[in-house]
Amino acid sequence: MKSAFFIILHTGATEYQDFALLDTKPFGKALVIDGKLQSAEIDEFIYHECLVHPALLHHSNPRTIFIMGGGEGSTAREILRHKTVDKVVMCDIDEKVVEFCKSYLVMNREAFCDPRLDVVINDARAELDNKVGSYDVIIGDLADPIEGGPSYQLYTKSFYESIIKPRLSQGGIFVTQAGPAGIFSHTEVFSCIYNTLRQVFKYVVPYSAHIPSYADTWGWVMASDSPLMLSPEEIDIRIKHRIIGESRYLDGKTFWAASTLSKAVRNSLDNETHVYTEGAARFIYGRNSILKHNEA
């Protein structure tokens, strides 16, 4: 099926979500889940470098990492570039999506074959709650909190407080993708995810970067009970000694720029009072919008 902007290469549906692989003219192959663009071939490195490297670089010696979601494998790929890492658990609820990504996303095949990666098909809450052990870094590479989707409960204060925090080792760091963070879009969920984490952790750092294929600035929030924010020079030294290969986007100066938010966004975050709970959740629009529009 063709349109002016993309060709649908593959589609599928599971009990949790719909998914599609598109061939787009400006951004190459793109993975879409529940109508929301997850990543595009040409610029996914921006999102995944920003999600992974700040937390791992701020940790003194990250050896064990837990990924909530991350079924496409790009987050695991970036983690496995770190020389200190011994074990990565990638826990995704949707086996069909994981297998789809293993088959069709060529750039992550090496990561899926790495013996340090343990792919677990389970609900992240259940996996963290039922298994013994702790992690140096826990990463939330979850789908956006869409009403009716499988992920919104993993952005709540109770989840951060009772599940995430107890599973972090001493000095552990949690980081999550936190939705759109643009001048007009940051109040959707970014500001309240930030405020929610402030209720649970002592140190919380929001940061953002423009993702061309998202047509917006995207946000992440890093949190810990240990101090964060290395200098740009310290970050660059750790990059040099710890990471295999050259990063295309992130270095010390870039991270400091990313964590320097605009005045309007800073004011919103400072004044945000909403706490994300199961009964008071905020959602991002998205359910199947791209595919339904194309079919119409």
Protein backbone atom coordinates (compact mmCIF):
# COMPACT_ATOMS: atom_id res chain seq x y z
CA MET A 1 0.00 0.00 0.00
CA LYS A 2 1.45 3.37 -1.02
CA SER A 3 0.94 6.92 0.14
CA ALA A 4 2.65 10.22 -0.52
CA PHE A 5 4.89 9.78 2.52
CA PHE A 6 5.45 6.09 3.22
CA ILE A 7 5.04 2.50 2.09
CA ILE A 8 3.78 -0.09 4.58
CA LEU A 9 6.26 -2.98 4.51
CA HIS A 10 4.87 -5.15 7.31
CA THR A 11 2.00 -4.94 9.79
CA GLY A 12 0.90 -7.04 12.71
CA ALA A 13 -1.19 -7.06 15.84
CA THR A 14 -0.82 -8.70 19.23
CA GLU A 15 -3.00 -8.84 22.31
CA TYR A 16 -1.19 -5.72 23.53
CA GLN A 17 -0.68 -3.47 20.52
CA ASP A 18 -0.59 -2.97 16.77
CA PHE A 19 2.73 -2.55 14.99
CA ALA A 20 4.04 -1.73 11.54
CA LEU A 21 7.29 -1.27 9.68
CA LEU A 22 7.12 1.62 7.22
CA ASP A 23 9.46 2.70 4.46
CA THR A 24 9.39 6.48 4.66
CA LYS A 25 10.89 8.89 2.18
CA PRO A 26 12.64 11.30 4.57
CA PHE A 27 13.54 8.98 7.48
CA GLY A 28 14.12 5.50 6.05
CA LYS A 29 12.51 2.49 7.70
CA ALA A 30 10.38 3.38 10.70
CA LEU A 31 8.84 1.27 13.47
CA VAL A 32 5.34 2.33 14.50
CA ILE A 33 3.47 0.92 17.50
CA ASP A 34 -0.13 1.85 18.27
CA GLY A 35 0.05 4.69 15.81
CA LYS A 36 3.10 6.24 17.47
CA LEU A 37 6.46 6.42 15.75
CA GLN A 38 8.94 4.52 17.92
CA SER A 39 12.11 5.00 15.91
CA ALA A 40 13.27 5.86 12.43
CA GLU A 41 16.36 4.52 10.73
CA ILE A 42 17.95 7.90 10.05
CA ASP A 43 17.82 9.42 13.55
CA GLU A 44 17.09 6.71 16.13
CA PHE A 45 20.67 7.11 17.39
CA ILE A 46 19.73 10.49 18.93
CA TYR A 47 16.98 8.98 21.06
CA HIS A 48 18.90 5.88 22.11
CA GLU A 49 22.20 7.59 22.89
CA CYS A 50 20.32 10.11 25.05
CA LEU A 51 18.34 7.40 26.82
CA VAL A 52 21.29 5.14 27.62
CA HIS A 53 24.60 6.94 27.95
CA PRO A 54 23.93 9.71 30.49
CA ALA A 55 22.79 7.24 33.16
CA LEU A 56 25.55 4.71 32.51
CA LEU A 57 28.22 7.42 32.41
CA HIS A 58 27.03 9.01 35.64
CA HIS A 59 27.22 5.65 37.42
CA SER A 60 30.67 4.88 38.80
CA ASN A 61 30.75 1.26 37.57
CA PRO A 62 27.59 0.07 35.77
CA ARG A 63 27.69 -3.70 35.48
CA THR A 64 24.06 -4.89 35.65
CA ILE A 65 21.36 -3.15 33.62
CA PHE A 66 17.62 -3.74 33.38
CA ILE A 67 15.61 -2.45 30.40
CA MET A 68 11.86 -2.09 30.74
CA GLY A 69 10.58 -2.52 27.20
CA GLY A 70 13.17 -1.89 24.51
CA GLY A 71 11.92 -4.69 22.29
CA GLU A 72 13.46 -3.28 19.12
CA GLY A 73 16.95 -3.87 20.55
CA SER A 74 18.45 -0.40 20.04
CA THR A 75 18.68 0.36 23.76
CA ALA A 76 20.46 -2.93 24.37
CA ARG A 77 22.81 -2.15 21.48
CA GLU A 78 23.90 1.12 23.07
CA ILE A 79 24.27 -0.41 26.55
CA LEU A 80 26.47 -3.20 25.20
CA ARG A 81 28.96 -0.62 23.92
CA HIS A 82 29.93 0.00 27.56
CA LYS A 83 32.98 -2.02 28.58
CA THR A 84 31.92 -2.31 32.24
CA VAL A 85 28.62 -4.04 31.49
CA ASP A 86 28.40 -7.71 32.44
CA LYS A 87 24.67 -8.36 32.16
CA VAL A 88 21.69 -6.74 30.46
CA VAL A 89 18.13 -7.91 31.06
CA MET A 90 15.72 -6.69 28.41
CA CYS A 91 12.18 -7.28 29.64
CA ASP A 92 9.45 -6.71 27.09
CA ILE A 93 5.86 -7.83 27.44
CA ASP A 94 5.27 -8.49 23.75
CA GLU A 95 7.12 -11.48 22.28
CA LYS A 96 5.71 -10.97 18.79
CA VAL A 97 7.09 -7.43 18.60
CA VAL A 98 10.50 -8.58 19.87
CA GLU A 99 10.67 -11.36 17.29
CA PHE A 100 9.50 -8.97 14.57
CA CYS A 101 12.29 -6.52 15.45
CA LYS A 102 14.91 -9.28 15.59
CA SER A 103 13.91 -10.30 12.08
CA TYR A 104 13.59 -6.92 10.40
CA LEU A 105 15.82 -4.40 12.23
CA VAL A 106 19.19 -5.39 10.85
CA MET A 107 21.22 -2.82 12.84
CA ASN A 108 20.43 -4.60 16.13
CA ARG A 109 21.10 -8.22 15.19
CA GLU A 110 24.57 -8.18 16.74
CA ALA A 111 23.15 -6.93 20.04
CA PHE A 112 20.53 -9.70 20.13
CA CYS A 113 23.36 -12.24 19.70
CA ASP A 114 25.52 -10.81 22.50
CA PRO A 115 25.84 -13.36 25.35
CA ARG A 116 25.52 -10.58 27.94
CA LEU A 117 21.93 -9.91 26.82
CA ASP A 118 19.11 -11.86 28.45
CA VAL A 119 15.77 -11.28 26.70
CA VAL A 120 12.83 -11.90 29.03
CA ILE A 121 9.21 -11.88 27.87
CA ASN A 122 7.22 -10.62 30.82
CA ASP A 123 5.56 -7.60 32.33
CA ALA A 124 8.36 -5.41 33.70
CA ARG A 125 6.52 -4.80 36.97
CA ALA A 126 6.10 -8.52 37.58
CA GLU A 127 9.69 -9.31 36.59
CA LEU A 128 11.18 -6.69 38.91
CA ASP A 129 8.79 -7.51 41.73
CA ASN A 130 9.26 -11.28 41.68
CA LYS A 131 12.96 -11.72 40.96
CA VAL A 132 15.70 -11.40 43.58
CA GLY A 133 18.59 -9.04 42.91
CA SER A 134 19.39 -5.45 42.12
CA TYR A 135 20.62 -3.43 39.15
CA ASP A 136 23.06 -0.57 38.79
CA VAL A 137 20.90 1.13 36.16
CA ILE A 138 17.23 0.60 35.29
CA ILE A 139 16.07 2.08 31.99
CA GLY A 140 12.47 2.80 31.02
CA ASP A 141 12.31 2.40 27.25
CA LEU A 142 8.57 2.02 27.35
CA ALA A 143 5.87 2.94 24.89
CA ASP A 144 4.31 6.33 25.49
CA PRO A 145 1.53 6.38 28.09
CA ILE A 146 -1.40 5.96 25.70
CA GLU A 147 -4.89 5.37 27.07
CA GLY A 148 -5.65 1.69 26.71
CA GLY A 149 -1.98 0.87 26.07
CA PRO A 150 0.15 -1.52 28.14
CA SER A 151 2.62 0.97 29.64
CA TYR A 152 0.98 3.87 31.45
CA GLN A 153 1.02 2.19 34.89
CA LEU A 154 4.84 2.03 34.69
CA TYR A 155 5.03 5.83 34.94
CA THR A 156 3.30 6.08 38.32
CA LYS A 157 4.60 7.16 41.72
CA SER A 158 3.66 3.83 43.30
CA PHE A 159 5.63 1.94 40.65
CA TYR A 160 8.73 4.11 41.07
CA GLU A 161 8.47 3.92 44.85
CA SER A 162 7.66 0.26 45.44
CA ILE A 163 9.21 -1.48 42.42
CA ILE A 164 11.98 0.61 40.84
CA LYS A 165 13.71 2.10 43.86
CA PRO A 166 14.05 -1.17 45.84
CA ARG A 167 15.67 -2.84 42.80
CA LEU A 168 18.43 -0.27 42.42
CA SER A 169 21.80 -1.10 43.94
CA GLN A 170 23.72 1.40 46.07
CA GLY A 171 24.35 4.45 43.88
CA GLY A 172 21.91 3.12 41.30
CA ILE A 173 20.33 5.30 38.63
CA PHE A 174 16.92 5.17 36.98
CA VAL A 175 16.22 6.84 33.64
CA THR A 176 13.06 6.89 31.58
CA GLN A 177 11.88 8.30 28.31
CA ALA A 178 9.35 10.93 29.27
CA GLY A 179 7.48 11.93 26.14
CA PRO A 180 7.42 15.17 24.15
CA ALA A 181 9.33 18.04 25.77
CA GLY A 182 8.84 20.87 23.31
CA ILE A 183 7.81 24.39 24.18
CA PHE A 184 4.12 23.51 23.65
CA SER A 185 4.11 19.75 24.21
CA HIS A 186 6.04 19.34 27.47
CA THR A 187 2.94 19.67 29.62
CA GLU A 188 1.42 16.49 28.15
CA VAL A 189 3.43 14.09 30.33
CA PHE A 190 7.05 15.31 30.59
CA SER A 191 6.45 17.78 33.40
CA CYS A 192 4.38 15.40 35.51
CA ILE A 193 6.76 12.46 35.05
CA TYR A 194 9.53 14.77 36.26
CA ASN A 195 7.45 15.92 39.23
CA THR A 196 6.48 12.34 40.06
CA LEU A 197 10.10 11.23 40.18
CA ARG A 198 10.89 14.22 42.42
CA GLN A 199 8.56 12.70 45.01
CA VAL A 200 10.60 9.49 45.05
CA PHE A 201 14.27 10.33 44.40
CA LYS A 202 16.62 12.92 45.91
CA TYR A 203 18.29 13.95 42.65
CA VAL A 204 16.30 14.29 39.42
CA VAL A 205 17.65 15.62 36.11
CA PRO A 206 15.34 16.32 33.15
CA TYR A 207 16.88 16.73 29.70
CA SER A 208 15.74 16.87 26.10
CA ALA A 209 16.82 16.76 22.45
CA HIS A 210 15.19 17.44 19.11
CA ILE A 211 14.30 14.25 17.19
CA PRO A 212 13.61 15.19 13.55
CA SER A 213 11.41 12.17 12.80
CA TYR A 214 9.26 12.94 15.87
CA ALA A 215 8.83 16.54 14.67
CA ASP A 216 9.34 17.62 18.26
CA THR A 217 11.78 17.85 21.12
CA TRP A 218 11.84 14.68 23.23
CA GLY A 219 12.40 14.36 26.96
CA TRP A 220 14.10 11.98 29.37
CA VAL A 221 14.36 12.08 33.16
CA MET A 222 17.27 10.63 35.14
CA ALA A 223 16.90 10.02 38.89
CA SER A 224 18.96 8.73 41.79
CA ASP A 225 19.52 9.10 45.50
CA SER A 226 23.19 9.76 44.71
CA PRO A 227 24.35 13.09 43.24
CA LEU A 228 24.22 13.45 39.46
CA MET A 229 25.63 15.93 36.91
CA LEU A 230 29.27 15.37 36.02
CA SER A 231 31.06 18.19 34.22
CA PRO A 232 31.31 17.99 30.42
CA GLU A 233 35.02 17.19 30.77
CA GLU A 234 34.32 14.33 33.21
CA ILE A 235 31.69 12.91 30.87
CA ASP A 236 34.10 13.02 27.92
CA ILE A 237 36.79 11.22 29.94
CA ARG A 238 34.36 8.45 30.84
CA ILE A 239 33.20 8.19 27.23
CA LYS A 240 36.80 7.77 26.09
CA HIS A 241 37.59 5.02 28.59
CA ARG A 242 34.28 3.18 28.77
CA ILE A 243 32.47 3.21 25.44
CA ILE A 244 33.43 1.16 22.41
CA GLY A 245 33.13 3.07 19.14
CA GLU A 246 32.24 6.65 18.36
CA SER A 247 28.92 8.13 19.45
CA ARG A 248 27.23 10.13 16.73
CA TYR A 249 25.30 12.53 18.96
CA LEU A 250 26.19 12.60 22.64
CA ASP A 251 29.27 14.01 24.36
CA GLY A 252 29.82 16.07 27.51
CA LYS A 253 28.87 19.44 26.05
CA THR A 254 25.83 17.98 24.29
CA PHE A 255 24.50 16.48 27.51
CA TRP A 256 24.96 19.75 29.39
CA ALA A 257 23.15 21.56 26.61
CA ALA A 258 20.38 18.93 26.70
CA SER A 259 19.91 19.41 30.44
CA THR A 260 19.69 23.20 30.08
CA LEU A 261 16.00 23.56 29.35
CA SER A 262 14.31 26.70 28.06
CA LYS A 263 12.93 29.25 30.50
CA ALA A 264 9.32 28.32 29.70
CA VAL A 265 9.91 24.59 30.23
CA ARG A 266 11.92 25.19 33.42
CA ASN A 267 9.12 27.30 34.84
CA SER A 268 6.55 24.62 34.03
CA LEU A 269 8.63 21.91 35.66
CA ASP A 270 9.27 24.03 38.75
CA ASN A 271 5.55 24.74 39.13
CA GLU A 272 4.20 21.30 38.20
CA THR A 273 2.07 19.79 40.97
CA HIS A 274 0.51 16.81 39.19
CA VAL A 275 1.72 13.41 40.38
CA TYR A 276 1.24 10.51 37.99
CA THR A 277 -0.91 7.78 39.56
CA GLU A 278 -3.12 4.99 38.27
CA GLY A 279 -6.19 7.10 39.05
CA ALA A 280 -4.75 10.40 37.84
CA ALA A 281 -2.80 9.46 34.73
CA ARG A 282 -2.06 11.70 31.78
CA PHE A 283 -2.04 10.28 28.28
CA ILE A 284 -0.57 11.05 24.86
CA TYR A 285 -2.86 10.71 21.86
CA GLY A 286 -1.87 7.98 19.45
CA ARG A 287 -3.89 4.79 19.19
CA ASN A 288 -3.43 3.44 15.63
CA SER A 289 -3.68 6.93 14.15
CA ILE A 290 -1.16 6.48 11.30
CA LEU A 291 -2.51 3.21 9.96
CA LYS A 292 -6.16 4.24 10.27
CA HIS A 293 -5.45 7.49 8.45
CA ASN A 294 -3.76 5.57 5.63
CA GLU A 295 -6.62 3.09 5.35
CA ALA A 296 -9.14 5.91 5.22
